[in-house]
């Protein structure tokens, strides 16, 4: 039986220190420690990884479409499907600030809204609660 020549991996939290310019992320394996960068491996072979981790849920009801099942994520105390189950509806982690100009713009014809959105990459949205009651209008980014 052939033995695979794969390297083993060791993981350790990087050292974080301050210099005159701000925070510095340093190699925890080398002495003296040297800087680590996200975009390239260090000369010693250490790679700095940055990961975003999100918990997934099942057997709860989606607040956007009202259907249970599938893979859901938690936003605050509410759950929504990980994929887009209700096009046009959003559940904000941080709600946008209400805007009077967005309220006026929301009532413009769709062709004017589309031209504005293409040039500025923002559009007016209606803010509502779970029951569908409107609480105002705000600007959102495409």
Protein backbone atom coordinates (compact mmCIF):
# COMPACT_ATOMS: atom_id res chain seq x y z
CA UNK A 1 0.00 0.00 0.00
CA UNK A 2 1.45 3.37 -1.05
CA UNK A 3 1.84 6.02 1.60
CA UNK A 4 0.62 9.52 0.66
CA UNK A 5 3.22 12.22 1.09
CA UNK A 6 0.80 14.92 2.22
CA UNK A 7 2.01 17.45 4.78
CA UNK A 8 0.23 17.60 8.11
CA UNK A 9 -1.24 20.94 9.11
CA UNK A 10 -0.92 22.81 12.37
CA UNK A 11 -3.16 25.73 13.24
CA UNK A 12 -2.67 28.43 15.82
CA UNK A 13 -4.06 31.92 16.33
CA UNK A 14 -1.74 34.60 14.90
CA UNK A 15 0.00 37.11 17.13
CA UNK A 16 -1.54 40.54 17.00
CA UNK A 17 0.62 43.49 18.00
CA UNK A 18 0.83 47.24 17.48
CA UNK A 19 3.41 49.22 15.60
CA UNK A 20 3.55 52.94 14.83
CA UNK A 21 1.01 52.56 11.99
CA UNK A 22 -1.58 50.32 13.69
CA UNK A 23 -2.30 46.63 14.18
CA UNK A 24 0.10 43.99 12.85
CA UNK A 25 -0.71 40.29 12.35
CA UNK A 26 2.38 38.14 12.93
CA UNK A 27 3.33 34.49 12.48
CA UNK A 28 2.82 32.46 15.68
CA UNK A 29 5.33 29.77 14.62
CA UNK A 30 8.47 31.80 13.93
CA UNK A 31 10.92 33.58 16.21
CA UNK A 32 11.38 36.44 15.67
CA UNK A 33 7.82 36.78 14.39
CA UNK A 34 7.23 38.27 10.95
CA UNK A 35 4.15 39.84 9.35
CA UNK A 36 1.46 37.75 7.70
CA UNK A 37 -0.67 38.90 4.78
CA UNK A 38 -3.98 37.57 3.45
CA UNK A 39 -3.00 37.80 -0.20
CA UNK A 40 0.20 35.70 -0.17
CA UNK A 41 1.93 32.92 1.79
CA UNK A 42 4.73 33.95 4.14
CA UNK A 43 8.34 32.90 3.40
CA UNK A 44 8.02 30.23 6.14
CA UNK A 45 4.97 28.75 4.36
CA UNK A 46 2.38 30.04 6.83
CA UNK A 47 -0.90 31.05 5.23
CA UNK A 48 -3.27 33.48 6.95
CA UNK A 49 -6.88 32.33 6.53
CA UNK A 50 -9.93 34.46 7.15
CA UNK A 51 -13.26 32.65 7.24
CA UNK A 52 -16.85 33.71 7.65
CA UNK A 53 -18.89 31.02 9.43
CA UNK A 54 -22.69 30.98 9.61
CA UNK A 55 -24.96 28.52 11.41
CA UNK A 56 -27.65 26.80 9.33
CA UNK A 57 -31.03 25.69 10.69
CA UNK A 58 -33.83 23.31 9.70
CA UNK A 59 -37.34 22.63 10.95
CA UNK A 60 -38.18 26.31 11.52
CA UNK A 61 -40.47 28.59 9.51
CA UNK A 62 -39.14 31.25 7.12
CA UNK A 63 -40.40 34.72 8.00
CA UNK A 64 -40.32 35.83 4.32
CA UNK A 65 -42.28 33.06 2.60
CA UNK A 66 -43.98 31.47 5.63
CA UNK A 67 -42.89 27.95 4.67
CA UNK A 68 -40.97 25.55 6.92
CA UNK A 69 -38.22 23.22 5.76
CA UNK A 70 -35.11 23.64 3.72
CA UNK A 71 -31.95 25.34 4.92
CA UNK A 72 -32.51 28.53 6.91
CA UNK A 73 -30.28 31.17 8.50
CA UNK A 74 -31.00 33.22 11.60
CA UNK A 75 -31.23 37.01 11.32
CA UNK A 76 -31.69 38.50 14.78
CA UNK A 77 -34.46 36.38 16.30
CA UNK A 78 -36.03 35.51 12.91
CA UNK A 79 -35.21 32.87 10.29
CA UNK A 80 -35.10 33.06 6.50
CA UNK A 81 -34.14 30.60 3.76
CA UNK A 82 -30.46 30.61 2.78
CA UNK A 83 -31.53 30.84 -0.88
CA UNK A 84 -33.83 33.56 -2.18
CA UNK A 85 -37.33 32.19 -1.55
CA UNK A 86 -39.23 35.47 -1.92
CA UNK A 87 -37.75 37.68 -4.65
CA UNK A 88 -37.95 41.35 -3.74
CA UNK A 89 -38.30 40.72 0.00
CA UNK A 90 -35.39 41.21 2.39
CA UNK A 91 -34.73 40.67 6.04
CA UNK A 92 -32.18 43.27 7.13
CA UNK A 93 -29.61 42.66 9.84
CA UNK A 94 -29.35 46.44 10.17
CA UNK A 95 -32.41 48.22 8.72
CA UNK A 96 -31.68 51.19 6.44
CA UNK A 97 -32.56 54.68 7.64
CA UNK A 98 -36.01 55.87 6.54
CA UNK A 99 -35.91 58.58 3.88
CA UNK A 100 -38.53 61.06 2.69
CA UNK A 101 -36.93 61.26 -0.76
CA UNK A 102 -37.10 57.45 -1.05
CA UNK A 103 -40.82 57.63 -0.17
CA UNK A 104 -41.42 60.13 -2.98
CA UNK A 105 -39.22 58.24 -5.44
CA UNK A 106 -40.97 54.91 -4.66
CA UNK A 107 -44.16 56.32 -6.21
CA UNK A 108 -42.47 57.28 -9.52
CA UNK A 109 -43.16 55.16 -12.62
CA UNK A 110 -41.06 51.97 -12.82
CA UNK A 111 -39.19 53.12 -15.96
CA UNK A 112 -37.89 56.23 -14.13
CA UNK A 113 -36.89 54.10 -11.15
CA UNK A 114 -35.06 51.65 -13.43
CA UNK A 115 -33.03 54.42 -15.12
CA UNK A 116 -32.08 55.91 -11.77
CA UNK A 117 -31.10 52.51 -10.37
CA UNK A 118 -28.89 51.75 -13.38
CA UNK A 119 -26.96 54.99 -12.99
CA UNK A 120 -26.68 55.16 -9.18
CA UNK A 121 -26.93 51.45 -8.18
CA UNK A 122 -29.49 52.32 -5.47
CA UNK A 123 -33.25 52.01 -5.34
CA UNK A 124 -36.16 52.86 -3.04
CA UNK A 125 -37.58 50.08 -0.87
CA UNK A 126 -40.68 49.82 1.28
CA UNK A 127 -39.99 49.01 4.95
CA UNK A 128 -42.62 46.78 6.53
CA UNK A 129 -42.99 44.42 9.49
CA UNK A 130 -43.88 40.70 9.50
CA UNK A 131 -47.57 41.41 9.08
CA UNK A 132 -46.91 43.57 6.01
CA UNK A 133 -47.65 46.89 7.69
CA UNK A 134 -45.62 49.66 6.00
CA UNK A 135 -43.32 51.62 8.31
CA UNK A 136 -41.64 53.88 5.76
CA UNK A 137 -39.31 53.89 2.78
CA UNK A 138 -35.53 53.80 2.47
CA UNK A 139 -32.68 53.58 -0.03
CA UNK A 140 -31.00 50.24 -0.69
CA UNK A 141 -28.04 49.24 -2.88
CA UNK A 142 -28.19 46.82 -5.80
